[in-house]
Amino acid sequence: MELLRHGVDRSVIALWLGHESVETTQMYLHADLRLKEEALSHTTPLLTKPSRYRPSDQLLAFLEAL
């Protein structure tokens, strides 16, 4: 992830890690929360304070009961 943040192309990272294809590397990029938050920070609607979603206790209790 540090290589990607410093501008190294995804295909170069895939080759360096020995991945057969860029799609294999993509799953690691998909899972990086910091990368997602950075992308979302560029798309925040005007007059909206960016924040991370915090589920309510009621929702968490419901999910734990499943």
Protein backbone atom coordinates (compact mmCIF):
# COMPACT_ATOMS: atom_id res chain seq x y z
CA MET A 1 0.00 0.00 0.00
CA GLU A 2 2.88 2.37 0.67
CA LEU A 3 4.14 1.84 -2.89
CA LEU A 4 0.72 2.69 -4.28
CA ARG A 5 0.47 5.80 -2.10
CA HIS A 6 3.83 6.92 -3.46
CA GLY A 7 2.67 6.65 -7.06
CA VAL A 8 3.94 3.23 -8.11
CA ASP A 9 1.67 1.76 -10.79
CA ARG A 10 -0.52 -1.19 -9.79
CA SER A 11 0.86 -3.38 -12.57
CA VAL A 12 4.42 -2.83 -11.31
CA ILE A 13 3.35 -3.74 -7.77
CA ALA A 14 1.64 -6.89 -9.07
CA LEU A 15 4.78 -7.96 -10.92
CA TRP A 16 7.01 -7.19 -7.96
CA LEU A 17 4.81 -9.28 -5.64
CA GLY A 18 4.77 -12.13 -8.14
CA HIS A 19 1.04 -11.96 -8.78
CA GLU A 20 -0.21 -13.57 -11.95
CA SER A 21 -2.38 -10.59 -12.78
CA VAL A 22 -3.28 -7.10 -11.58
CA GLU A 23 -6.69 -8.47 -10.51
CA THR A 24 -4.95 -10.51 -7.80
CA THR A 25 -3.36 -7.34 -6.45
CA GLN A 26 -6.67 -5.50 -6.71
CA MET A 27 -8.22 -7.48 -3.84
CA TYR A 28 -5.62 -6.05 -1.46
CA LEU A 29 -6.31 -2.54 -2.69
CA HIS A 30 -10.04 -3.12 -2.29
CA ALA A 31 -9.56 -4.04 1.38
CA ASP A 32 -7.52 -0.96 2.35
CA LEU A 33 -9.78 1.30 4.44
CA ARG A 34 -7.33 4.21 4.46
CA LEU A 35 -7.23 4.25 0.66
CA LYS A 36 -11.05 4.27 0.55
CA GLU A 37 -11.26 7.10 3.08
CA GLU A 38 -8.78 9.15 1.05
CA ALA A 39 -10.82 8.65 -2.12
CA LEU A 40 -14.03 9.58 -0.32
CA SER A 41 -12.45 12.72 1.09
CA HIS A 42 -12.20 14.02 -2.48
CA THR A 43 -15.89 13.41 -3.15
CA THR A 44 -17.53 14.79 -0.01
CA PRO A 45 -20.57 16.90 -0.93
CA LEU A 46 -20.36 20.59 -0.14
CA LEU A 47 -21.44 21.67 3.35
CA THR A 48 -21.06 18.11 4.68
CA LYS A 49 -18.53 17.25 7.36
CA PRO A 50 -16.71 14.01 6.44
CA SER A 51 -16.95 11.29 9.08
CA ARG A 52 -16.81 7.55 9.54
CA TYR A 53 -20.13 5.69 9.93
CA ARG A 54 -20.83 4.60 13.51
CA PRO A 55 -23.71 2.14 13.84
CA SER A 56 -26.14 2.57 16.71
CA ASP A 57 -26.13 0.20 19.69
CA GLN A 58 -29.55 -1.03 18.58
CA LEU A 59 -28.22 -1.99 15.15
CA LEU A 60 -25.17 -3.72 16.64
CA ALA A 61 -27.40 -5.69 19.03
CA PHE A 62 -29.60 -6.77 16.12
CA LEU A 63 -26.59 -7.92 14.09
CA GLU A 64 -25.09 -9.81 17.02
CA ALA A 65 -28.41 -11.62 17.51
CA LEU A 66 -28.35 -13.01 13.96
